[in-house]
Amino acid sequence: MNIRMDEKDAELLRSRSRAAFDAQAPTYDAGMQGEHARRLYPHVLGEVRRAVAGDPAPRLLDLGCGTGALAELVLEGLPGVRLSCVDLSPRMAEAARARLGERAEVLLCDAERLTFRDGSFDAAWCNDSFHHYPDPERAAFQAWRVLAPGGALVVGDAWQPAPARAIMNAWMPHSREGDVRIYSEAELRHILGTWFSDVSWRRVGLTACVAIARKGA
């Protein structure tokens, strides 16, 4: 599967996402827009904890950190971690910096164009933002690249059964939030499996899923 689009169209979607999440930043932690992401927090947190169990000082990366609320839970649940966070929205990144202070590095950065060196992290997560990426294959590669051998990527994202997914995917190009696509299990496994040696997937409730992708040792 390859849904790569013209770069002009991709940049339009990024601009829509940036503007939408800039506007949502002040209310995201309590408002309706962030509700789906918040429901995924405990599931993603649990998988990240399992991914680095036994490592006293893991290097972690939050892709699409938003206000830093999930990153804060990770910091509280995993003392000793070294955490970097990235987001495309300036106001989300600003909110994350205010929340996390010196406990984490927060960068304004596109997940499809990460600036970190190869093998910089032991685990990474992407919560409720993968469906916004115009080039998901490139985003998957970038996550694979910056992970150390044996590292894990945890993806929490939206999911729908086939009929509803088809309707939503037909509507998404017109979304003002820059949504790109809701992925089926097979599609997400394919995208991540292009680079990662092992991919697992499970549903979370009626509208979400969690995938865990492992980089070969």
N, C-alpha and C. Protein backbone atom coordinates (compact mmCIF):
# COMPACT_ATOMS: atom_id res chain seq x y z
N MET A 1 0.84 -1.20 0.00
CA MET A 1 0.00 0.00 0.00
C MET A 1 0.86 1.23 0.00
N ASN A 2 0.53 2.20 -0.83
CA ASN A 2 1.25 3.46 -0.86
C ASN A 2 0.25 4.56 -1.17
N ILE A 3 0.04 5.47 -0.22
CA ILE A 3 -0.91 6.56 -0.44
C ILE A 3 -0.17 7.89 -0.59
N ARG A 4 1.12 7.81 -0.91
CA ARG A 4 1.93 9.02 -1.02
C ARG A 4 1.27 9.99 -2.00
N MET A 5 1.21 11.25 -1.62
CA MET A 5 0.51 12.24 -2.42
C MET A 5 1.47 13.31 -2.89
N ASP A 6 0.98 14.14 -3.77
CA ASP A 6 1.74 15.28 -4.25
C ASP A 6 2.15 16.15 -3.07
N GLU A 7 3.38 16.67 -3.11
CA GLU A 7 3.89 17.43 -1.97
C GLU A 7 3.07 18.70 -1.71
N LYS A 8 2.52 19.29 -2.74
CA LYS A 8 1.68 20.48 -2.54
C LYS A 8 0.44 20.13 -1.73
N ASP A 9 -0.18 18.99 -2.06
CA ASP A 9 -1.35 18.54 -1.30
C ASP A 9 -0.96 18.15 0.12
N ALA A 10 0.21 17.51 0.25
CA ALA A 10 0.68 17.11 1.58
C ALA A 10 0.91 18.33 2.46
N GLU A 11 1.49 19.38 1.89
CA GLU A 11 1.76 20.57 2.69
C GLU A 11 0.47 21.28 3.07
N LEU A 12 -0.54 21.21 2.22
CA LEU A 12 -1.84 21.79 2.56
C LEU A 12 -2.42 21.08 3.77
N LEU A 13 -2.32 19.74 3.82
CA LEU A 13 -2.82 18.99 4.96
C LEU A 13 -2.03 19.32 6.22
N ARG A 14 -0.72 19.45 6.09
CA ARG A 14 0.09 19.83 7.26
C ARG A 14 -0.33 21.21 7.78
N SER A 15 -0.58 22.12 6.87
CA SER A 15 -1.00 23.47 7.27
C SER A 15 -2.34 23.44 7.99
N ARG A 16 -3.26 22.60 7.50
CA ARG A 16 -4.55 22.47 8.17
C ARG A 16 -4.38 21.89 9.58
N SER A 17 -3.54 20.86 9.69
CA SER A 17 -3.30 20.27 11.01
C SER A 17 -2.68 21.28 11.96
N ARG A 18 -1.70 21.99 11.47
CA ARG A 18 -1.02 22.98 12.30
C ARG A 18 -1.99 24.02 12.82
N ALA A 19 -2.81 24.56 11.92
CA ALA A 19 -3.77 25.59 12.31
C ALA A 19 -4.82 25.04 13.28
N ALA A 20 -5.32 23.82 13.00
CA ALA A 20 -6.36 23.24 13.85
C ALA A 20 -5.83 22.99 15.26
N PHE A 21 -4.64 22.42 15.37
CA PHE A 21 -4.13 22.10 16.70
C PHE A 21 -3.59 23.33 17.43
N ASP A 22 -3.16 24.33 16.69
CA ASP A 22 -2.86 25.61 17.34
C ASP A 22 -4.12 26.14 18.03
N ALA A 23 -5.25 26.06 17.33
CA ALA A 23 -6.52 26.56 17.89
C ALA A 23 -7.00 25.72 19.05
N GLN A 24 -6.74 24.41 19.02
CA GLN A 24 -7.22 23.50 20.06
C GLN A 24 -6.35 23.48 21.31
N ALA A 25 -5.12 23.96 21.20
CA ALA A 25 -4.16 23.81 22.29
C ALA A 25 -4.68 24.28 23.66
N PRO A 26 -5.35 25.43 23.75
CA PRO A 26 -5.78 25.90 25.08
C PRO A 26 -6.81 25.00 25.76
N THR A 27 -7.59 24.24 24.99
CA THR A 27 -8.68 23.45 25.58
C THR A 27 -8.51 21.95 25.35
N TYR A 28 -7.42 21.53 24.75
CA TYR A 28 -7.26 20.14 24.31
C TYR A 28 -7.32 19.14 25.47
N ASP A 29 -6.76 19.50 26.61
CA ASP A 29 -6.68 18.57 27.73
C ASP A 29 -8.03 18.26 28.38
N ALA A 30 -9.01 19.11 28.16
CA ALA A 30 -10.33 18.88 28.76
C ALA A 30 -11.46 18.87 27.74
N GLY A 31 -11.20 19.36 26.53
CA GLY A 31 -12.25 19.51 25.55
C GLY A 31 -12.53 18.25 24.75
N MET A 32 -13.55 18.34 23.92
CA MET A 32 -13.98 17.21 23.11
C MET A 32 -12.92 16.78 22.11
N GLN A 33 -12.15 17.75 21.57
CA GLN A 33 -11.17 17.41 20.53
C GLN A 33 -10.11 16.43 21.03
N GLY A 34 -9.76 16.51 22.31
CA GLY A 34 -8.72 15.64 22.84
C GLY A 34 -9.24 14.38 23.52
N GLU A 35 -10.55 14.17 23.49
CA GLU A 35 -11.14 13.04 24.24
C GLU A 35 -10.65 11.69 23.72
N HIS A 36 -10.60 11.51 22.40
CA HIS A 36 -10.16 10.23 21.84
C HIS A 36 -8.72 9.94 22.22
N ALA A 37 -7.87 10.94 22.13
CA ALA A 37 -6.47 10.76 22.51
C ALA A 37 -6.34 10.40 23.98
N ARG A 38 -7.12 11.04 24.84
CA ARG A 38 -7.02 10.78 26.28
C ARG A 38 -7.42 9.36 26.62
N ARG A 39 -8.40 8.80 25.90
CA ARG A 39 -8.81 7.42 26.16
C ARG A 39 -7.70 6.43 25.84
N LEU A 40 -6.80 6.81 24.97
CA LEU A 40 -5.70 5.93 24.61
C LEU A 40 -4.50 6.02 25.56
N TYR A 41 -4.45 7.05 26.39
CA TYR A 41 -3.27 7.27 27.24
C TYR A 41 -2.86 6.02 28.02
N PRO A 42 -3.76 5.39 28.79
CA PRO A 42 -3.31 4.26 29.61
C PRO A 42 -2.82 3.08 28.77
N HIS A 43 -3.38 2.90 27.59
CA HIS A 43 -2.97 1.78 26.74
C HIS A 43 -1.57 2.02 26.16
N VAL A 44 -1.34 3.23 25.68
CA VAL A 44 -0.02 3.56 25.14
C VAL A 44 1.03 3.57 26.25
N LEU A 45 0.69 4.15 27.39
CA LEU A 45 1.61 4.17 28.52
C LEU A 45 2.01 2.75 28.93
N GLY A 46 1.04 1.86 29.00
CA GLY A 46 1.33 0.49 29.39
C GLY A 46 2.28 -0.19 28.42
N GLU A 47 2.09 0.03 27.12
CA GLU A 47 2.96 -0.59 26.13
C GLU A 47 4.37 0.00 26.17
N VAL A 48 4.47 1.29 26.41
CA VAL A 48 5.80 1.91 26.52
C VAL A 48 6.53 1.35 27.73
N ARG A 49 5.83 1.21 28.83
CA ARG A 49 6.46 0.65 30.03
C ARG A 49 6.96 -0.77 29.78
N ARG A 50 6.16 -1.57 29.08
CA ARG A 50 6.59 -2.94 28.77
C ARG A 50 7.79 -2.94 27.82
N ALA A 51 7.80 -1.99 26.90
CA ALA A 51 8.87 -1.95 25.90
C ALA A 51 10.24 -1.68 26.50
N VAL A 52 10.28 -0.94 27.60
CA VAL A 52 11.58 -0.57 28.19
C VAL A 52 11.76 -1.17 29.58
N ALA A 53 10.98 -2.16 29.92
CA ALA A 53 11.09 -2.79 31.24
C ALA A 53 12.51 -3.29 31.46
N GLY A 54 13.06 -2.97 32.62
CA GLY A 54 14.40 -3.40 32.97
C GLY A 54 15.49 -2.41 32.59
N ASP A 55 15.17 -1.40 31.82
CA ASP A 55 16.14 -0.37 31.44
C ASP A 55 16.00 0.79 32.43
N PRO A 56 17.02 1.10 33.21
CA PRO A 56 16.90 2.14 34.24
C PRO A 56 16.88 3.56 33.69
N ALA A 57 17.35 3.75 32.46
CA ALA A 57 17.41 5.10 31.91
C ALA A 57 17.14 5.08 30.41
N PRO A 58 15.95 4.66 30.00
CA PRO A 58 15.67 4.57 28.57
C PRO A 58 15.54 5.94 27.92
N ARG A 59 15.89 5.99 26.66
CA ARG A 59 15.76 7.21 25.85
C ARG A 59 14.44 7.09 25.07
N LEU A 60 13.54 8.04 25.29
CA LEU A 60 12.20 7.95 24.75
C LEU A 60 11.86 9.15 23.86
N LEU A 61 10.97 8.90 22.89
CA LEU A 61 10.56 9.93 21.95
C LEU A 61 9.04 9.93 21.81
N ASP A 62 8.43 11.10 21.97
CA ASP A 62 6.99 11.29 21.80
C ASP A 62 6.76 12.01 20.47
N LEU A 63 6.15 11.32 19.51
CA LEU A 63 5.88 11.88 18.19
C LEU A 63 4.46 12.44 18.16
N GLY A 64 4.35 13.75 18.02
CA GLY A 64 3.04 14.39 18.09
C GLY A 64 2.61 14.52 19.53
N CYS A 65 3.43 15.20 20.33
CA CYS A 65 3.24 15.22 21.79
C CYS A 65 2.06 16.03 22.26
N GLY A 66 1.50 16.89 21.40
CA GLY A 66 0.40 17.73 21.85
C GLY A 66 0.80 18.60 23.03
N THR A 67 -0.04 18.65 24.04
CA THR A 67 0.22 19.48 25.21
C THR A 67 1.20 18.85 26.19
N GLY A 68 1.67 17.65 25.90
CA GLY A 68 2.59 16.97 26.80
C GLY A 68 1.94 16.20 27.92
N ALA A 69 0.62 16.02 27.85
CA ALA A 69 -0.09 15.33 28.94
C ALA A 69 0.32 13.87 29.04
N LEU A 70 0.40 13.17 27.92
CA LEU A 70 0.83 11.78 27.95
C LEU A 70 2.31 11.68 28.32
N ALA A 71 3.11 12.59 27.80
CA ALA A 71 4.53 12.60 28.15
C ALA A 71 4.72 12.75 29.66
N GLU A 72 3.88 13.57 30.29
CA GLU A 72 3.98 13.75 31.74
C GLU A 72 3.65 12.45 32.47
N LEU A 73 2.66 11.71 31.99
CA LEU A 73 2.33 10.43 32.60
C LEU A 73 3.50 9.45 32.46
N VAL A 74 4.16 9.48 31.32
CA VAL A 74 5.33 8.61 31.12
C VAL A 74 6.44 8.99 32.09
N LEU A 75 6.69 10.27 32.24
CA LEU A 75 7.73 10.72 33.17
C LEU A 75 7.42 10.31 34.60
N GLU A 76 6.15 10.39 34.98
CA GLU A 76 5.75 9.99 36.33
C GLU A 76 5.85 8.48 36.53
N GLY A 77 5.54 7.73 35.47
CA GLY A 77 5.52 6.27 35.59
C GLY A 77 6.86 5.61 35.36
N LEU A 78 7.80 6.34 34.76
CA LEU A 78 9.11 5.78 34.45
C LEU A 78 10.21 6.75 34.88
N PRO A 79 10.48 6.84 36.17
CA PRO A 79 11.54 7.74 36.65
C PRO A 79 12.87 7.37 36.00
N GLY A 80 13.65 8.38 35.65
CA GLY A 80 14.97 8.13 35.09
C GLY A 80 15.03 8.16 33.58
N VAL A 81 13.87 8.32 32.91
CA VAL A 81 13.88 8.34 31.45
C VAL A 81 14.48 9.64 30.94
N ARG A 82 15.00 9.59 29.74
CA ARG A 82 15.42 10.78 29.00
C ARG A 82 14.45 10.95 27.84
N LEU A 83 13.71 12.05 27.85
CA LEU A 83 12.56 12.19 26.96
C LEU A 83 12.71 13.38 26.01
N SER A 84 12.45 13.11 24.73
CA SER A 84 12.33 14.16 23.72
C SER A 84 10.92 14.10 23.15
N CYS A 85 10.36 15.27 22.85
CA CYS A 85 9.00 15.37 22.33
C CYS A 85 9.02 16.27 21.09
N VAL A 86 8.20 15.91 20.09
CA VAL A 86 8.09 16.76 18.90
C VAL A 86 6.62 16.97 18.57
N ASP A 87 6.33 18.11 17.99
CA ASP A 87 4.98 18.39 17.50
C ASP A 87 5.06 19.40 16.37
N LEU A 88 4.11 19.31 15.45
CA LEU A 88 4.06 20.21 14.30
C LEU A 88 3.42 21.55 14.64
N SER A 89 2.62 21.59 15.71
CA SER A 89 1.89 22.79 16.10
C SER A 89 2.70 23.64 17.09
N PRO A 90 3.01 24.88 16.74
CA PRO A 90 3.76 25.73 17.67
C PRO A 90 3.09 25.90 19.03
N ARG A 91 1.76 26.05 19.04
CA ARG A 91 1.07 26.26 20.32
C ARG A 91 1.00 24.99 21.15
N MET A 92 0.90 23.84 20.51
CA MET A 92 0.97 22.59 21.25
C MET A 92 2.37 22.42 21.85
N ALA A 93 3.39 22.68 21.07
CA ALA A 93 4.76 22.56 21.58
C ALA A 93 4.99 23.53 22.73
N GLU A 94 4.44 24.73 22.62
CA GLU A 94 4.57 25.72 23.70
C GLU A 94 3.89 25.22 24.97
N ALA A 95 2.71 24.63 24.82
CA ALA A 95 1.99 24.08 25.98
C ALA A 95 2.77 22.93 26.61
N ALA A 96 3.38 22.09 25.77
CA ALA A 96 4.17 20.97 26.28
C ALA A 96 5.40 21.47 27.04
N ARG A 97 6.06 22.49 26.52
CA ARG A 97 7.22 23.05 27.23
C ARG A 97 6.81 23.61 28.58
N ALA A 98 5.66 24.29 28.63
CA ALA A 98 5.19 24.86 29.90
C ALA A 98 4.88 23.75 30.90
N ARG A 99 4.33 22.64 30.44
CA ARG A 99 3.97 21.54 31.31
C ARG A 99 5.18 20.75 31.79
N LEU A 100 6.09 20.48 30.88
CA LEU A 100 7.18 19.55 31.18
C LEU A 100 8.45 20.23 31.69
N GLY A 101 8.60 21.52 31.40
CA GLY A 101 9.77 22.24 31.87
C GLY A 101 11.07 21.59 31.44
N GLU A 102 11.99 21.44 32.38
CA GLU A 102 13.30 20.88 32.07
C GLU A 102 13.31 19.35 32.09
N ARG A 103 12.16 18.75 32.33
CA ARG A 103 12.11 17.29 32.38
C ARG A 103 12.18 16.65 31.00
N ALA A 104 11.94 17.43 29.96
CA ALA A 104 11.95 16.89 28.61
C ALA A 104 12.38 17.95 27.61
N GLU A 105 12.94 17.50 26.51
CA GLU A 105 13.25 18.35 25.37
C GLU A 105 12.02 18.38 24.47
N VAL A 106 11.53 19.57 24.13
CA VAL A 106 10.36 19.70 23.26
C VAL A 106 10.76 20.51 22.03
N LEU A 107 10.59 19.89 20.85
CA LEU A 107 10.99 20.52 19.60
C LEU A 107 9.80 20.70 18.67
N LEU A 108 9.81 21.78 17.92
CA LEU A 108 8.84 21.99 16.85
C LEU A 108 9.38 21.25 15.63
N CYS A 109 8.71 20.16 15.26
CA CYS A 109 9.31 19.26 14.27
C CYS A 109 8.22 18.42 13.61
N ASP A 110 8.40 18.08 12.34
CA ASP A 110 7.51 17.21 11.59
C ASP A 110 7.96 15.77 11.78
N ALA A 111 7.05 14.87 12.14
CA ALA A 111 7.40 13.47 12.36
C ALA A 111 7.93 12.79 11.10
N GLU A 112 7.64 13.37 9.94
CA GLU A 112 8.15 12.82 8.69
C GLU A 112 9.56 13.31 8.38
N ARG A 113 10.07 14.25 9.18
CA ARG A 113 11.39 14.84 8.93
C ARG A 113 12.14 15.01 10.25
N LEU A 114 12.34 13.93 10.95
CA LEU A 114 13.00 13.99 12.25
C LEU A 114 14.47 14.37 12.10
N THR A 115 14.96 15.17 13.04
CA THR A 115 16.33 15.66 12.96
C THR A 115 17.29 14.89 13.88
N PHE A 116 16.79 13.87 14.57
CA PHE A 116 17.63 13.11 15.49
C PHE A 116 18.54 12.15 14.72
N ARG A 117 19.64 11.79 15.36
CA ARG A 117 20.56 10.83 14.77
C ARG A 117 19.99 9.42 14.78
N ASP A 118 20.49 8.58 13.91
CA ASP A 118 20.10 7.18 13.88
C ASP A 118 20.34 6.53 15.24
N GLY A 119 19.39 5.69 15.66
CA GLY A 119 19.58 4.92 16.89
C GLY A 119 19.57 5.73 18.16
N SER A 120 18.89 6.88 18.17
CA SER A 120 18.93 7.77 19.34
C SER A 120 18.01 7.35 20.48
N PHE A 121 17.02 6.47 20.22
CA PHE A 121 16.00 6.18 21.23
C PHE A 121 15.77 4.68 21.40
N ASP A 122 15.33 4.33 22.60
CA ASP A 122 15.00 2.94 22.91
C ASP A 122 13.53 2.63 22.65
N ALA A 123 12.69 3.63 22.72
CA ALA A 123 11.26 3.46 22.42
C ALA A 123 10.68 4.81 22.00
N ALA A 124 9.63 4.74 21.20
CA ALA A 124 8.92 5.94 20.76
C ALA A 124 7.43 5.63 20.73
N TRP A 125 6.63 6.67 20.82
CA TRP A 125 5.19 6.47 20.68
C TRP A 125 4.58 7.61 19.88
N CYS A 126 3.45 7.30 19.29
CA CYS A 126 2.70 8.24 18.47
C CYS A 126 1.23 8.04 18.82
N ASN A 127 0.66 8.97 19.55
CA ASN A 127 -0.71 8.78 20.04
C ASN A 127 -1.71 9.68 19.33
N ASP A 128 -2.60 9.06 18.59
CA ASP A 128 -3.72 9.74 17.93
C ASP A 128 -3.27 10.79 16.91
N SER A 129 -2.11 10.58 16.30
CA SER A 129 -1.67 11.53 15.28
C SER A 129 -1.22 10.85 13.99
N PHE A 130 -1.05 9.53 13.99
CA PHE A 130 -0.55 8.86 12.79
C PHE A 130 -1.48 9.08 11.59
N HIS A 131 -2.80 9.18 11.85
CA HIS A 131 -3.75 9.36 10.74
C HIS A 131 -3.69 10.76 10.15
N HIS A 132 -2.85 11.63 10.70
CA HIS A 132 -2.66 12.97 10.14
C HIS A 132 -1.47 13.05 9.20
N TYR A 133 -0.66 12.02 9.12
CA TYR A 133 0.59 12.11 8.35
C TYR A 133 0.33 11.92 6.86
N PRO A 134 0.65 12.92 6.02
CA PRO A 134 0.47 12.78 4.58
C PRO A 134 1.30 11.65 3.98
N ASP A 135 2.46 11.37 4.57
CA ASP A 135 3.33 10.30 4.07
C ASP A 135 3.61 9.33 5.22
N PRO A 136 2.67 8.41 5.51
CA PRO A 136 2.84 7.53 6.66
C PRO A 136 4.02 6.59 6.52
N GLU A 137 4.35 6.18 5.28
CA GLU A 137 5.51 5.33 5.08
C GLU A 137 6.79 6.03 5.51
N ARG A 138 6.89 7.31 5.17
CA ARG A 138 8.08 8.07 5.55
C ARG A 138 8.13 8.26 7.06
N ALA A 139 6.98 8.51 7.68
CA ALA A 139 6.95 8.66 9.14
C ALA A 139 7.38 7.37 9.82
N ALA A 140 6.92 6.23 9.28
CA ALA A 140 7.32 4.94 9.85
C ALA A 140 8.82 4.73 9.70
N PHE A 141 9.36 5.08 8.54
CA PHE A 141 10.81 4.95 8.34
C PHE A 141 11.58 5.82 9.31
N GLN A 142 11.13 7.07 9.49
CA GLN A 142 11.84 7.98 10.39
C GLN A 142 11.84 7.44 11.82
N ALA A 143 10.71 6.90 12.26
CA ALA A 143 10.66 6.31 13.60
C ALA A 143 11.61 5.12 13.69
N TRP A 144 11.62 4.27 12.68
CA TRP A 144 12.53 3.12 12.64
C TRP A 144 13.98 3.58 12.69
N ARG A 145 14.28 4.62 11.91
CA ARG A 145 15.66 5.11 11.81
C ARG A 145 16.21 5.59 13.15
N VAL A 146 15.39 6.35 13.89
CA VAL A 146 15.90 6.95 15.13
C VAL A 146 15.85 6.00 16.32
N LEU A 147 15.25 4.82 16.13
CA LEU A 147 15.24 3.83 17.21
C LEU A 147 16.51 2.98 17.17
N ALA A 148 16.99 2.61 18.34
CA ALA A 148 18.12 1.70 18.44
C ALA A 148 17.66 0.28 18.09
N PRO A 149 18.58 -0.60 17.70
CA PRO A 149 18.20 -2.00 17.47
C PRO A 149 17.47 -2.58 18.68
N GLY A 150 16.35 -3.27 18.42
CA GLY A 150 15.54 -3.81 19.49
C GLY A 150 14.52 -2.82 20.04
N GLY A 151 14.56 -1.58 19.57
CA GLY A 151 13.63 -0.56 20.05
C GLY A 151 12.22 -0.78 19.56
N ALA A 152 11.26 -0.10 20.20
CA ALA A 152 9.85 -0.30 19.88
C ALA A 152 9.16 1.03 19.59
N LEU A 153 8.25 0.99 18.63
CA LEU A 153 7.35 2.10 18.34
C LEU A 153 5.94 1.69 18.72
N VAL A 154 5.28 2.50 19.55
CA VAL A 154 3.90 2.25 19.96
C VAL A 154 3.02 3.28 19.26
N VAL A 155 2.04 2.80 18.51
CA VAL A 155 1.12 3.68 17.79
C VAL A 155 -0.29 3.48 18.34
N GLY A 156 -0.84 4.50 18.96
CA GLY A 156 -2.25 4.51 19.34
C GLY A 156 -2.99 5.38 18.34
N ASP A 157 -4.07 4.87 17.75
CA ASP A 157 -4.70 5.67 16.71
C ASP A 157 -6.18 5.33 16.58
N ALA A 158 -6.83 6.09 15.72
CA ALA A 158 -8.25 5.86 15.44
C ALA A 158 -8.42 4.58 14.63
N TRP A 159 -9.58 3.95 14.80
CA TRP A 159 -9.92 2.76 14.02
C TRP A 159 -11.44 2.72 13.85
N GLN A 160 -11.87 2.17 12.73
CA GLN A 160 -13.29 1.97 12.47
C GLN A 160 -13.46 0.68 11.67
N PRO A 161 -14.61 -0.02 11.81
CA PRO A 161 -14.88 -1.17 10.94
C PRO A 161 -15.01 -0.70 9.50
N ALA A 162 -14.91 -1.66 8.57
CA ALA A 162 -14.78 -1.34 7.15
C ALA A 162 -15.83 -0.37 6.60
N PRO A 163 -17.15 -0.56 6.83
CA PRO A 163 -18.10 0.38 6.23
C PRO A 163 -17.93 1.81 6.73
N ALA A 164 -17.79 1.97 8.03
CA ALA A 164 -17.61 3.31 8.59
C ALA A 164 -16.27 3.90 8.16
N ARG A 165 -15.25 3.06 8.09
CA ARG A 165 -13.91 3.53 7.67
C ARG A 165 -13.95 4.07 6.25
N ALA A 166 -14.66 3.39 5.35
CA ALA A 166 -14.77 3.84 3.97
C ALA A 166 -15.44 5.21 3.88
N ILE A 167 -16.48 5.40 4.67
CA ILE A 167 -17.18 6.70 4.67
C ILE A 167 -16.27 7.79 5.20
N MET A 168 -15.59 7.52 6.30
CA MET A 168 -14.71 8.53 6.90
C MET A 168 -13.54 8.86 5.98
N ASN A 169 -12.99 7.84 5.32
CA ASN A 169 -11.85 8.09 4.44
C ASN A 169 -12.25 8.88 3.19
N ALA A 170 -13.49 8.75 2.76
CA ALA A 170 -13.98 9.55 1.65
C ALA A 170 -14.14 11.02 2.06
N TRP A 171 -14.47 11.22 3.33
CA TRP A 171 -14.68 12.58 3.84
C TRP A 171 -13.38 13.27 4.24
N MET A 172 -12.39 12.52 4.65
CA MET A 172 -11.19 13.09 5.26
C MET A 172 -10.44 14.11 4.41
N PRO A 173 -10.35 13.96 3.08
CA PRO A 173 -9.65 14.99 2.30
C PRO A 173 -10.23 16.39 2.46
N HIS A 174 -11.47 16.46 2.92
CA HIS A 174 -12.12 17.76 3.11
C HIS A 174 -12.08 18.23 4.57
N SER A 175 -11.43 17.46 5.43
CA SER A 175 -11.37 17.79 6.84
C SER A 175 -10.56 19.06 7.07
N ARG A 176 -11.04 19.89 7.96
CA ARG A 176 -10.30 21.11 8.29
C ARG A 176 -9.16 20.85 9.27
N GLU A 177 -9.07 19.62 9.77
CA GLU A 177 -8.00 19.28 10.72
C GLU A 177 -6.83 18.56 10.05
N GLY A 178 -6.86 18.42 8.73
CA GLY A 178 -5.76 17.80 8.04
C GLY A 178 -5.69 16.29 8.20
N ASP A 179 -6.82 15.64 8.51
CA ASP A 179 -6.83 14.18 8.59
C ASP A 179 -6.51 13.58 7.23
N VAL A 180 -5.84 12.44 7.22
CA VAL A 180 -5.46 11.80 5.97
C VAL A 180 -6.22 10.49 5.76
N ARG A 181 -6.14 9.56 6.74
CA ARG A 181 -6.75 8.25 6.53
C ARG A 181 -6.87 7.48 7.84
N ILE A 182 -7.99 6.79 8.02
CA ILE A 182 -8.14 5.81 9.08
C ILE A 182 -7.68 4.47 8.51
N TYR A 183 -6.74 3.81 9.16
CA TYR A 183 -6.14 2.60 8.60
C TYR A 183 -6.80 1.34 9.15
N SER A 184 -6.94 0.36 8.27
CA SER A 184 -7.35 -0.96 8.70
C SER A 184 -6.17 -1.63 9.40
N GLU A 185 -6.43 -2.74 10.07
CA GLU A 185 -5.34 -3.50 10.69
C GLU A 185 -4.31 -3.90 9.63
N ALA A 186 -4.77 -4.40 8.50
CA ALA A 186 -3.85 -4.85 7.46
C ALA A 186 -3.01 -3.70 6.92
N GLU A 187 -3.62 -2.53 6.73
CA GLU A 187 -2.88 -1.38 6.22
C GLU A 187 -1.81 -0.91 7.19
N LEU A 188 -2.17 -0.83 8.47
CA LEU A 188 -1.20 -0.37 9.46
C LEU A 188 -0.07 -1.38 9.63
N ARG A 189 -0.41 -2.65 9.62
CA ARG A 189 0.64 -3.68 9.69
C ARG A 189 1.59 -3.57 8.50
N HIS A 190 1.04 -3.30 7.32
CA HIS A 190 1.87 -3.19 6.12
C HIS A 190 2.80 -1.98 6.20
N ILE A 191 2.25 -0.84 6.59
CA ILE A 191 3.07 0.38 6.67
C ILE A 191 4.22 0.19 7.65
N LEU A 192 3.92 -0.30 8.84
CA LEU A 192 4.95 -0.47 9.86
C LEU A 192 5.87 -1.64 9.51
N GLY A 193 5.31 -2.70 8.94
CA GLY A 193 6.08 -3.89 8.64
C GLY A 193 7.08 -3.72 7.52
N THR A 194 6.97 -2.64 6.75
CA THR A 194 7.97 -2.36 5.72
C THR A 194 9.35 -2.20 6.34
N TRP A 195 9.39 -1.67 7.56
CA TRP A 195 10.66 -1.41 8.23
C TRP A 195 10.87 -2.25 9.48
N PHE A 196 9.83 -2.44 10.24
CA PHE A 196 9.96 -3.12 11.53
C PHE A 196 9.82 -4.64 11.34
N SER A 197 10.59 -5.37 12.13
CA SER A 197 10.64 -6.82 11.96
C SER A 197 9.45 -7.54 12.58
N ASP A 198 8.79 -6.90 13.54
CA ASP A 198 7.65 -7.55 14.21
C ASP A 198 6.60 -6.49 14.52
N VAL A 199 5.37 -6.74 14.13
CA VAL A 199 4.27 -5.78 14.36
C VAL A 199 3.08 -6.52 14.96
N SER A 200 2.60 -6.04 16.09
CA SER A 200 1.36 -6.56 16.67
C SER A 200 0.31 -5.45 16.66
N TRP A 201 -0.96 -5.86 16.72
CA TRP A 201 -2.07 -4.90 16.60
C TRP A 201 -3.23 -5.40 17.44
N ARG A 202 -3.92 -4.48 18.11
CA ARG A 202 -5.13 -4.87 18.84
C ARG A 202 -6.10 -3.70 18.87
N ARG A 203 -7.38 -4.03 18.92
CA ARG A 203 -8.40 -3.00 19.06
C ARG A 203 -8.45 -2.49 20.49
N VAL A 204 -8.84 -1.24 20.62
CA VAL A 204 -9.11 -0.63 21.92
C VAL A 204 -10.51 -0.04 21.85
N GLY A 205 -11.46 -0.68 22.48
CA GLY A 205 -12.84 -0.20 22.41
C GLY A 205 -13.39 -0.29 21.00
N LEU A 206 -14.27 0.63 20.65
CA LEU A 206 -14.95 0.57 19.35
C LEU A 206 -14.32 1.46 18.30
N THR A 207 -13.46 2.41 18.71
CA THR A 207 -12.97 3.40 17.73
C THR A 207 -11.48 3.62 17.78
N ALA A 208 -10.72 2.68 18.33
CA ALA A 208 -9.27 2.90 18.46
C ALA A 208 -8.51 1.60 18.34
N CYS A 209 -7.22 1.72 18.17
CA CYS A 209 -6.34 0.56 18.10
C CYS A 209 -4.97 0.94 18.65
N VAL A 210 -4.19 -0.08 18.98
CA VAL A 210 -2.80 0.11 19.39
C VAL A 210 -1.96 -0.89 18.61
N ALA A 211 -0.90 -0.41 17.99
CA ALA A 211 0.05 -1.27 17.29
C ALA A 211 1.42 -1.10 17.94
N ILE A 212 2.16 -2.20 18.06
CA ILE A 212 3.51 -2.17 18.61
C ILE A 212 4.44 -2.75 17.55
N ALA A 213 5.41 -1.95 17.13
CA ALA A 213 6.35 -2.37 16.08
C ALA A 213 7.75 -2.44 16.68
N ARG A 214 8.42 -3.56 16.49
CA ARG A 214 9.76 -3.77 17.02
C ARG A 214 10.80 -3.71 15.92
N LYS A 215 11.87 -2.99 16.19
CA LYS A 215 13.00 -2.94 15.28
C LYS A 215 13.90 -4.14 15.53
N GLY A 216 14.38 -4.75 14.48
CA GLY A 216 15.25 -5.90 14.64
C GLY A 216 16.52 -5.59 15.40
N ALA A 217 16.99 -6.55 16.15
CA ALA A 217 18.20 -6.33 16.98
C ALA A 217 19.44 -6.28 16.11
